């Protein structure tokens, strides 16, 4: 049997590689990682001169099959949610393929299982949001009562942003709502005497919305020479930060219009 006859269909290889890269990008990985993953999968399964160009919102992939024909595909990346587990599993899959420890059928089945992996449980997400916002408040100099209030508000805010995401509300408007909700809730707690330092509590809660990973990946992509992806990620992070500021600023202005002071 010739090598061409024993190799998987190039069209299916192309789809597998594109899906692997898409999952990596959707899970919040850097663009270079998505490109390396797609190229590794293609090369391991018989693709020649595999080339991949990825941005935060799309993938372009092509390679020569053993029959000498060029295959290419474009995949749109429409959603991005941080999931380090999926990134690690896809990276491990590409390494096993490249090392010959996995065949095409096994890789397809494994990638299907990886794609079905969802986010963390609701309880764990709420707990993480509460702990994060609470300890950020302490880090910025807040008191324990500020931290406890921020933790409760952060837990509720995590559910609000998740509900908006499920309804496919854009991240820009989600961040506006989140920034406004964080500011109003902390100011109400301060007026009720629960919070001593509302400004610090607001900062602690807003840290839940800050696009830290996007900023880090933007810097990483620019340093690596992926200027298009880096600038795109930086713009995304800037727009998210602007939306948070708009929401919090609107809440402060509403508070002043009501005639209440901000401590």
C-alpha atoms as a PDB file:
ATOM      1  CA  UNK A   1       0.000   0.000   0.000  1.00  0.00           C
ATOM      2  CA  UNK A   2       1.419   3.413  -0.971  1.00  0.00           C
ATOM      3  CA  UNK A   3       1.843   6.269   1.450  1.00  0.00           C
ATOM      4  CA  UNK A   4      -0.905   8.218  -0.343  1.00  0.00           C
ATOM      5  CA  UNK A   5      -3.357   5.321   0.014  1.00  0.00           C
ATOM      6  CA  UNK A   6      -2.562   4.834   3.712  1.00  0.00           C
ATOM      7  CA  UNK A   7      -2.865   8.519   4.593  1.00  0.00           C
ATOM      8  CA  UNK A   8      -6.192  10.031   5.683  1.00  0.00           C
ATOM      9  CA  UNK A   9      -8.221  12.126   3.260  1.00  0.00           C
ATOM     10  CA  UNK A  10      -6.532  15.570   2.936  1.00  0.00           C
ATOM     11  CA  UNK A  11      -9.891  17.332   3.149  1.00  0.00           C
ATOM     12  CA  UNK A  12     -10.581  15.711   6.515  1.00  0.00           C
ATOM     13  CA  UNK A  13      -7.079  16.542   7.711  1.00  0.00           C
ATOM     14  CA  UNK A  14      -7.682  20.168   6.764  1.00  0.00           C
ATOM     15  CA  UNK A  15     -10.937  20.258   8.742  1.00  0.00           C
ATOM     16  CA  UNK A  16      -9.323  18.583  11.751  1.00  0.00           C
ATOM     17  CA  UNK A  17      -6.408  21.031  11.821  1.00  0.00           C
ATOM     18  CA  UNK A  18      -8.690  24.044  11.384  1.00  0.00           C
ATOM     19  CA  UNK A  19     -10.972  22.857  14.192  1.00  0.00           C
ATOM     20  CA  UNK A  20      -8.001  22.314  16.502  1.00  0.00           C
ATOM     21  CA  UNK A  21      -6.747  25.850  15.852  1.00  0.00           C
ATOM     22  CA  UNK A  22     -10.249  27.272  16.257  1.00  0.00           C
ATOM     23  CA  UNK A  23     -10.746  25.598  19.637  1.00  0.00           C
ATOM     24  CA  UNK A  24      -7.391  26.931  20.835  1.00  0.00           C
ATOM     25  CA  UNK A  25      -8.286  30.497  19.823  1.00  0.00           C
ATOM     26  CA  UNK A  26     -11.800  30.264  21.251  1.00  0.00           C
ATOM     27  CA  UNK A  27     -10.265  29.187  24.554  1.00  0.00           C
ATOM     28  CA  UNK A  28      -8.152  32.340  24.810  1.00  0.00           C
ATOM     29  CA  UNK A  29      -4.748  31.166  23.551  1.00  0.00           C
ATOM     30  CA  UNK A  30      -2.206  33.258  21.682  1.00  0.00           C
ATOM     31  CA  UNK A  31      -2.366  33.298  17.874  1.00  0.00           C
ATOM     32  CA  UNK A  32       1.076  31.729  17.484  1.00  0.00           C
ATOM     33  CA  UNK A  33      -0.131  28.720  19.474  1.00  0.00           C
ATOM     34  CA  UNK A  34      -3.100  28.259  17.152  1.00  0.00           C
ATOM     35  CA  UNK A  35      -0.838  28.499  14.097  1.00  0.00           C
ATOM     36  CA  UNK A  36       1.648  25.966  15.496  1.00  0.00           C
ATOM     37  CA  UNK A  37      -1.165  23.585  16.426  1.00  0.00           C
ATOM     38  CA  UNK A  38      -2.686  23.657  12.925  1.00  0.00           C
ATOM     39  CA  UNK A  39       0.697  23.209  11.255  1.00  0.00           C
ATOM     40  CA  UNK A  40       1.644  20.329  13.555  1.00  0.00           C
ATOM     41  CA  UNK A  41      -1.626  18.485  12.869  1.00  0.00           C
ATOM     42  CA  UNK A  42      -1.266  18.931   9.086  1.00  0.00           C
ATOM     43  CA  UNK A  43       2.382  17.844   9.043  1.00  0.00           C
ATOM     44  CA  UNK A  44       1.709  14.817  11.225  1.00  0.00           C
ATOM     45  CA  UNK A  45      -1.069  13.596   8.915  1.00  0.00           C
ATOM     46  CA  UNK A  46       0.656  13.967   5.581  1.00  0.00           C
ATOM     47  CA  UNK A  47       0.334  17.659   4.789  1.00  0.00           C
ATOM     48  CA  UNK A  48       3.315  19.323   3.102  1.00  0.00           C
ATOM     49  CA  UNK A  49       4.342  22.973   3.531  1.00  0.00           C
ATOM     50  CA  UNK A  50       1.482  23.692   5.906  1.00  0.00           C
ATOM     51  CA  UNK A  51       0.931  27.416   6.382  1.00  0.00           C
ATOM     52  CA  UNK A  52      -1.439  28.998   8.887  1.00  0.00           C
ATOM     53  CA  UNK A  53      -2.265  32.643   9.532  1.00  0.00           C
ATOM     54  CA  UNK A  54      -4.395  33.328  12.594  1.00  0.00           C
ATOM     55  CA  UNK A  55      -5.921  36.434  14.078  1.00  0.00           C
ATOM     56  CA  UNK A  56      -8.139  36.649  17.173  1.00  0.00           C
ATOM     57  CA  UNK A  57     -11.203  36.425  14.915  1.00  0.00           C
ATOM     58  CA  UNK A  58     -10.200  34.029  12.151  1.00  0.00           C
ATOM     59  CA  UNK A  59      -7.904  31.325  10.768  1.00  0.00           C
ATOM     60  CA  UNK A  60      -6.521  30.799   7.266  1.00  0.00           C
ATOM     61  CA  UNK A  61      -4.877  27.429   6.674  1.00  0.00           C
ATOM     62  CA  UNK A  62      -3.447  25.694   3.608  1.00  0.00           C
ATOM     63  CA  UNK A  63      -1.117  22.824   2.717  1.00  0.00           C
ATOM     64  CA  UNK A  64      -0.092  20.522  -0.129  1.00  0.00           C
ATOM     65  CA  UNK A  65      -1.554  17.041  -0.043  1.00  0.00           C
ATOM     66  CA  UNK A  66       0.398  13.966  -1.140  1.00  0.00           C
ATOM     67  CA  UNK A  67      -1.476  14.180  -4.443  1.00  0.00           C
ATOM     68  CA  UNK A  68       0.162  17.551  -5.110  1.00  0.00           C
ATOM     69  CA  UNK A  69      -3.043  19.578  -4.787  1.00  0.00           C
ATOM     70  CA  UNK A  70      -3.370  22.558  -2.466  1.00  0.00           C
ATOM     71  CA  UNK A  71      -6.100  22.542   0.175  1.00  0.00           C
ATOM     72  CA  UNK A  72      -7.133  25.683   2.024  1.00  0.00           C
ATOM     73  CA  UNK A  73      -9.793  26.775   4.469  1.00  0.00           C
ATOM     74  CA  UNK A  74     -10.916  29.863   6.356  1.00  0.00           C
ATOM     75  CA  UNK A  75     -12.528  29.548   9.763  1.00  0.00           C
ATOM     76  CA  UNK A  76     -14.271  32.344  11.641  1.00  0.00           C
ATOM     77  CA  UNK A  77     -13.713  32.610  15.417  1.00  0.00           C
ATOM     78  CA  UNK A  78     -16.826  34.273  16.785  1.00  0.00           C
ATOM     79  CA  UNK A  79     -16.614  33.557  20.520  1.00  0.00           C
ATOM     80  CA  UNK A  80     -13.704  33.710  22.944  1.00  0.00           C
ATOM     81  CA  UNK A  81     -13.891  32.428  26.518  1.00  0.00           C
ATOM     82  CA  UNK A  82     -10.872  31.567  28.647  1.00  0.00           C
ATOM     83  CA  UNK A  83     -10.476  27.801  29.140  1.00  0.00           C
ATOM     84  CA  UNK A  84      -6.914  26.698  29.848  1.00  0.00           C
ATOM     85  CA  UNK A  85      -7.946  23.040  30.089  1.00  0.00           C
ATOM     86  CA  UNK A  86      -9.029  22.926  26.443  1.00  0.00           C
ATOM     87  CA  UNK A  87      -5.821  24.665  25.351  1.00  0.00           C
ATOM     88  CA  UNK A  88      -3.661  22.146  27.229  1.00  0.00           C
ATOM     89  CA  UNK A  89      -5.602  19.174  25.843  1.00  0.00           C
ATOM     90  CA  UNK A  90      -5.378  20.359  22.224  1.00  0.00           C
ATOM     91  CA  UNK A  91      -1.647  21.012  22.637  1.00  0.00           C
ATOM     92  CA  UNK A  92      -1.216  17.503  24.016  1.00  0.00           C
ATOM     93  CA  UNK A  93      -3.223  16.076  21.099  1.00  0.00           C
ATOM     94  CA  UNK A  94      -1.007  17.816  18.518  1.00  0.00           C
ATOM     95  CA  UNK A  95       2.143  16.559  20.244  1.00  0.00           C
ATOM     96  CA  UNK A  96       0.835  12.973  20.265  1.00  0.00           C
ATOM     97  CA  UNK A  97      -0.051  13.225  16.581  1.00  0.00           C
ATOM     98  CA  UNK A  98       3.363  14.604  15.684  1.00  0.00           C
ATOM     99  CA  UNK A  99       5.068  11.870  17.721  1.00  0.00           C
ATOM    100  CA  UNK A 100       3.020   9.155  16.004  1.00  0.00           C
ATOM    101  CA  UNK A 101       1.224   8.146  19.201  1.00  0.00           C
ATOM    102  CA  UNK A 102      -2.190   8.952  17.751  1.00  0.00           C
ATOM    103  CA  UNK A 103      -3.809   8.297  14.369  1.00  0.00           C
ATOM    104  CA  UNK A 104      -6.378  10.381  12.496  1.00  0.00           C
ATOM    105  CA  UNK A 105      -9.440   8.550  13.863  1.00  0.00           C
ATOM    106  CA  UNK A 106      -8.167   8.778  17.425  1.00  0.00           C
ATOM    107  CA  UNK A 107      -7.353  12.462  17.022  1.00  0.00           C
ATOM    108  CA  UNK A 108     -10.818  13.218  15.588  1.00  0.00           C
ATOM    109  CA  UNK A 109     -12.540  11.452  18.475  1.00  0.00           C
ATOM    110  CA  UNK A 110     -10.317  13.149  21.055  1.00  0.00           C
ATOM    111  CA  UNK A 111     -10.875  16.599  19.532  1.00  0.00           C
ATOM    112  CA  UNK A 112     -14.624  16.008  19.644  1.00  0.00           C
ATOM    113  CA  UNK A 113     -14.393  15.235  23.361  1.00  0.00           C
ATOM    114  CA  UNK A 114     -12.289  18.347  23.962  1.00  0.00           C
ATOM    115  CA  UNK A 115     -14.810  20.565  22.177  1.00  0.00           C
ATOM    116  CA  UNK A 116     -17.582  19.269  24.418  1.00  0.00           C
ATOM    117  CA  UNK A 117     -15.730  20.414  27.538  1.00  0.00           C
ATOM    118  CA  UNK A 118     -17.642  23.372  28.898  1.00  0.00           C
ATOM    119  CA  UNK A 119     -16.783  25.968  31.479  1.00  0.00           C
ATOM    120  CA  UNK A 120     -16.573  25.443  35.191  1.00  0.00           C
ATOM    121  CA  UNK A 121     -19.631  24.720  37.298  1.00  0.00           C
ATOM    122  CA  UNK A 122     -21.840  27.590  38.423  1.00  0.00           C
ATOM    123  CA  UNK A 123     -20.873  27.140  42.068  1.00  0.00           C
ATOM    124  CA  UNK A 124     -17.153  27.180  41.298  1.00  0.00           C
ATOM    125  CA  UNK A 125     -17.514  30.261  39.079  1.00  0.00           C
ATOM    126  CA  UNK A 126     -19.390  32.145  41.793  1.00  0.00           C
ATOM    127  CA  UNK A 127     -16.813  31.129  44.415  1.00  0.00           C
ATOM    128  CA  UNK A 128     -13.904  32.188  42.198  1.00  0.00           C
ATOM    129  CA  UNK A 129     -15.535  35.561  41.456  1.00  0.00           C
ATOM    130  CA  UNK A 130     -16.197  36.178  45.149  1.00  0.00           C
ATOM    131  CA  UNK A 131     -12.678  35.264  46.226  1.00  0.00           C
ATOM    132  CA  UNK A 132     -11.086  37.260  43.411  1.00  0.00           C
ATOM    133  CA  UNK A 133     -13.001  40.463  44.032  1.00  0.00           C
ATOM    134  CA  UNK A 134     -12.696  40.149  47.799  1.00  0.00           C
ATOM    135  CA  UNK A 135      -8.939  39.671  47.841  1.00  0.00           C
ATOM    136  CA  UNK A 136      -8.370  42.350  45.196  1.00  0.00           C
ATOM    137  CA  UNK A 137     -10.188  44.761  47.494  1.00  0.00           C
ATOM    138  CA  UNK A 138      -7.867  43.818  50.342  1.00  0.00           C
ATOM    139  CA  UNK A 139      -4.855  44.137  48.027  1.00  0.00           C
ATOM    140  CA  UNK A 140      -5.834  47.711  47.153  1.00  0.00           C
ATOM    141  CA  UNK A 141      -6.066  48.667  50.822  1.00  0.00           C
ATOM    142  CA  UNK A 142      -9.695  47.964  51.660  1.00  0.00           C
ATOM    143  CA  UNK A 143     -10.932  46.717  55.017  1.00  0.00           C
ATOM    144  CA  UNK A 144     -12.452  43.320  55.665  1.00  0.00           C
ATOM    145  CA  UNK A 145     -15.989  44.686  55.535  1.00  0.00           C
ATOM    146  CA  UNK A 146     -15.147  46.226  52.132  1.00  0.00           C
ATOM    147  CA  UNK A 147     -13.769  42.878  50.959  1.00  0.00           C
ATOM    148  CA  UNK A 148     -16.808  40.919  52.108  1.00  0.00           C
ATOM    149  CA  UNK A 149     -19.186  43.327  50.389  1.00  0.00           C
ATOM    150  CA  UNK A 150     -17.064  43.273  47.221  1.00  0.00           C
ATOM    151  CA  UNK A 151     -17.067  39.470  47.281  1.00  0.00           C
ATOM    152  CA  UNK A 152     -20.867  39.354  47.440  1.00  0.00           C
ATOM    153  CA  UNK A 153     -21.211  41.945  44.667  1.00  0.00           C
ATOM    154  CA  UNK A 154     -18.597  40.136  42.550  1.00  0.00           C
ATOM    155  CA  UNK A 155     -20.489  36.856  42.879  1.00  0.00           C
ATOM    156  CA  UNK A 156     -23.708  38.512  41.698  1.00  0.00           C
ATOM    157  CA  UNK A 157     -21.904  40.390  38.920  1.00  0.00           C
ATOM    158  CA  UNK A 158     -20.432  37.143  37.587  1.00  0.00           C
ATOM    159  CA  UNK A 159     -23.950  35.790  37.136  1.00  0.00           C
ATOM    160  CA  UNK A 160     -25.147  38.986  35.452  1.00  0.00           C
ATOM    161  CA  UNK A 161     -22.316  38.977  32.905  1.00  0.00           C
ATOM    162  CA  UNK A 162     -22.787  35.245  32.275  1.00  0.00           C
ATOM    163  CA  UNK A 163     -26.521  35.755  31.664  1.00  0.00           C
ATOM    164  CA  UNK A 164     -25.791  38.566  29.198  1.00  0.00           C
ATOM    165  CA  UNK A 165     -23.228  36.384  27.429  1.00  0.00           C
ATOM    166  CA  UNK A 166     -25.793  33.576  27.061  1.00  0.00           C
ATOM    167  CA  UNK A 167     -28.132  36.071  25.403  1.00  0.00           C
ATOM    168  CA  UNK A 168     -25.324  36.950  22.969  1.00  0.00           C
ATOM    169  CA  UNK A 169     -25.085  40.542  24.164  1.00  0.00           C
ATOM    170  CA  UNK A 170     -21.807  42.014  22.897  1.00  0.00           C
ATOM    171  CA  UNK A 171     -18.901  42.257  25.321  1.00  0.00           C
ATOM    172  CA  UNK A 172     -18.915  46.044  24.945  1.00  0.00           C
ATOM    173  CA  UNK A 173     -22.433  46.428  26.348  1.00  0.00           C
ATOM    174  CA  UNK A 174     -21.837  43.664  28.901  1.00  0.00           C
ATOM    175  CA  UNK A 175     -18.873  45.606  30.282  1.00  0.00           C
ATOM    176  CA  UNK A 176     -20.904  48.829  30.397  1.00  0.00           C
ATOM    177  CA  UNK A 177     -23.591  47.070  32.421  1.00  0.00           C
ATOM    178  CA  UNK A 178     -20.971  45.399  34.605  1.00  0.00           C
ATOM    179  CA  UNK A 179     -19.123  48.630  35.346  1.00  0.00           C
ATOM    180  CA  UNK A 180     -22.357  50.449  36.187  1.00  0.00           C
ATOM    181  CA  UNK A 181     -23.675  47.612  38.350  1.00  0.00           C
ATOM    182  CA  UNK A 182     -20.391  47.361  40.288  1.00  0.00           C
ATOM    183  CA  UNK A 183     -20.309  51.098  41.000  1.00  0.00           C
ATOM    184  CA  UNK A 184     -23.990  51.398  41.981  1.00  0.00           C
ATOM    185  CA  UNK A 185     -23.885  48.324  44.232  1.00  0.00           C
ATOM    186  CA  UNK A 186     -20.761  49.477  46.091  1.00  0.00           C
ATOM    187  CA  UNK A 187     -22.137  53.003  46.523  1.00  0.00           C
ATOM    188  CA  UNK A 188     -25.403  51.615  47.884  1.00  0.00           C
ATOM    189  CA  UNK A 189     -23.460  49.471  50.338  1.00  0.00           C
ATOM    190  CA  UNK A 190     -21.479  52.530  51.412  1.00  0.00           C
ATOM    191  CA  UNK A 191     -24.691  54.526  51.942  1.00  0.00           C
ATOM    192  CA  UNK A 192     -26.059  51.664  54.038  1.00  0.00           C
ATOM    193  CA  UNK A 193     -22.915  51.683  56.166  1.00  0.00           C
ATOM    194  CA  UNK A 194     -21.717  48.267  55.007  1.00  0.00           C
ATOM    195  CA  UNK A 195     -18.700  49.546  53.056  1.00  0.00           C
ATOM    196  CA  UNK A 196     -16.122  51.959  54.482  1.00  0.00           C
ATOM    197  CA  UNK A 197     -14.118  52.625  51.296  1.00  0.00           C
ATOM    198  CA  UNK A 198     -16.503  52.477  48.311  1.00  0.00           C
ATOM    199  CA  UNK A 199     -13.876  53.554  45.789  1.00  0.00           C
ATOM    200  CA  UNK A 200     -11.589  50.677  46.759  1.00  0.00           C
ATOM    201  CA  UNK A 201     -14.489  48.227  46.749  1.00  0.00           C
ATOM    202  CA  UNK A 202     -15.511  49.398  43.270  1.00  0.00           C
ATOM    203  CA  UNK A 203     -11.972  48.859  41.975  1.00  0.00           C
ATOM    204  CA  UNK A 204     -11.881  45.385  43.515  1.00  0.00           C
ATOM    205  CA  UNK A 205     -15.165  44.393  41.867  1.00  0.00           C
ATOM    206  CA  UNK A 206     -14.253  45.917  38.505  1.00  0.00           C
ATOM    207  CA  UNK A 207     -11.107  43.771  38.413  1.00  0.00           C
ATOM    208  CA  UNK A 208     -13.481  40.927  37.580  1.00  0.00           C
ATOM    209  CA  UNK A 209     -14.147  42.628  34.228  1.00  0.00           C
ATOM    210  CA  UNK A 210     -10.658  43.883  33.387  1.00  0.00           C
ATOM    211  CA  UNK A 211      -9.320  42.117  30.223  1.00  0.00           C
ATOM    212  CA  UNK A 212      -5.982  41.108  31.726  1.00  0.00           C
ATOM    213  CA  UNK A 213      -5.499  38.053  29.532  1.00  0.00           C
ATOM    214  CA  UNK A 214      -6.231  40.042  26.365  1.00  0.00           C
ATOM    215  CA  UNK A 215      -3.647  42.651  27.340  1.00  0.00           C
ATOM    216  CA  UNK A 216      -1.044  39.973  28.113  1.00  0.00           C
ATOM    217  CA  UNK A 217      -1.685  38.129  24.849  1.00  0.00           C
ATOM    218  CA  UNK A 218      -1.553  41.397  22.905  1.00  0.00           C
ATOM    219  CA  UNK A 219       1.903  42.163  24.271  1.00  0.00           C
ATOM    220  CA  UNK A 220       3.002  38.566  23.656  1.00  0.00           C
ATOM    221  CA  UNK A 221       1.817  38.638  20.032  1.00  0.00           C
ATOM    222  CA  UNK A 222       3.458  41.988  19.311  1.00  0.00           C
ATOM    223  CA  UNK A 223       6.774  40.821  20.798  1.00  0.00           C
ATOM    224  CA  UNK A 224       6.551  37.639  18.706  1.00  0.00           C
ATOM    225  CA  UNK A 225       6.080  39.732  15.549  1.00  0.00           C
ATOM    226  CA  UNK A 226       2.378  38.960  15.061  1.00  0.00           C
ATOM    227  CA  UNK A 227       1.552  42.632  14.671  1.00  0.00           C
ATOM    228  CA  UNK A 228      -1.945  42.268  13.206  1.00  0.00           C
ATOM    229  CA  UNK A 229      -3.066  39.906  15.966  1.00  0.00           C
ATOM    230  CA  UNK A 230      -1.316  41.937  18.661  1.00  0.00           C
ATOM    231  CA  UNK A 231      -2.842  45.244  17.614  1.00  0.00           C
ATOM    232  CA  UNK A 232      -6.274  43.595  17.278  1.00  0.00           C
ATOM    233  CA  UNK A 233      -6.057  42.158  20.791  1.00  0.00           C
ATOM    234  CA  UNK A 234      -4.824  45.493  22.160  1.00  0.00           C
ATOM    235  CA  UNK A 235      -7.760  47.283  20.519  1.00  0.00           C
ATOM    236  CA  UNK A 236     -10.147  44.705  21.972  1.00  0.00           C
ATOM    237  CA  UNK A 237      -8.678  45.228  25.446  1.00  0.00           C
ATOM    238  CA  UNK A 238      -8.866  49.032  25.075  1.00  0.00           C
ATOM    239  CA  UNK A 239     -12.512  48.905  24.002  1.00  0.00           C
ATOM    240  CA  UNK A 240     -13.349  46.624  26.947  1.00  0.00           C
ATOM    241  CA  UNK A 241     -11.608  48.989  29.374  1.00  0.00           C
ATOM    242  CA  UNK A 242     -13.421  51.960  27.824  1.00  0.00           C
ATOM    243  CA  UNK A 243     -16.767  50.206  28.232  1.00  0.00           C
ATOM    244  CA  UNK A 244     -16.080  49.517  31.914  1.00  0.00           C
ATOM    245  CA  UNK A 245     -15.161  53.189  32.400  1.00  0.00           C
ATOM    246  CA  UNK A 246     -18.310  54.335  30.609  1.00  0.00           C
ATOM    247  CA  UNK A 247     -20.496  52.162  32.842  1.00  0.00           C
ATOM    248  CA  UNK A 248     -18.809  53.217  36.088  1.00  0.00           C
ATOM    249  CA  UNK A 249     -18.747  56.876  35.033  1.00  0.00           C
ATOM    250  CA  UNK A 250     -22.443  56.828  34.195  1.00  0.00           C
ATOM    251  CA  UNK A 251     -23.187  55.320  37.606  1.00  0.00           C
ATOM    252  CA  UNK A 252     -21.177  58.039  39.362  1.00  0.00           C
ATOM    253  CA  UNK A 253     -22.961  60.761  37.399  1.00  0.00           C
ATOM    254  CA  UNK A 254     -26.372  59.278  38.229  1.00  0.00           C
ATOM    255  CA  UNK A 255     -25.362  59.152  41.885  1.00  0.00           C
ATOM    256  CA  UNK A 256     -24.403  62.838  41.828  1.00  0.00           C
ATOM    257  CA  UNK A 257     -27.660  63.776  40.066  1.00  0.00           C
ATOM    258  CA  UNK A 258     -29.518  62.153  42.939  1.00  0.00           C
ATOM    259  CA  UNK A 259     -27.692  64.528  45.260  1.00  0.00           C
ATOM    260  CA  UNK A 260     -25.744  61.857  47.132  1.00  0.00           C
ATOM    261  CA  UNK A 261     -22.088  62.276  47.964  1.00  0.00           C
ATOM    262  CA  UNK A 262     -19.338  59.841  47.002  1.00  0.00           C
ATOM    263  CA  UNK A 263     -16.921  59.109  49.825  1.00  0.00           C
END
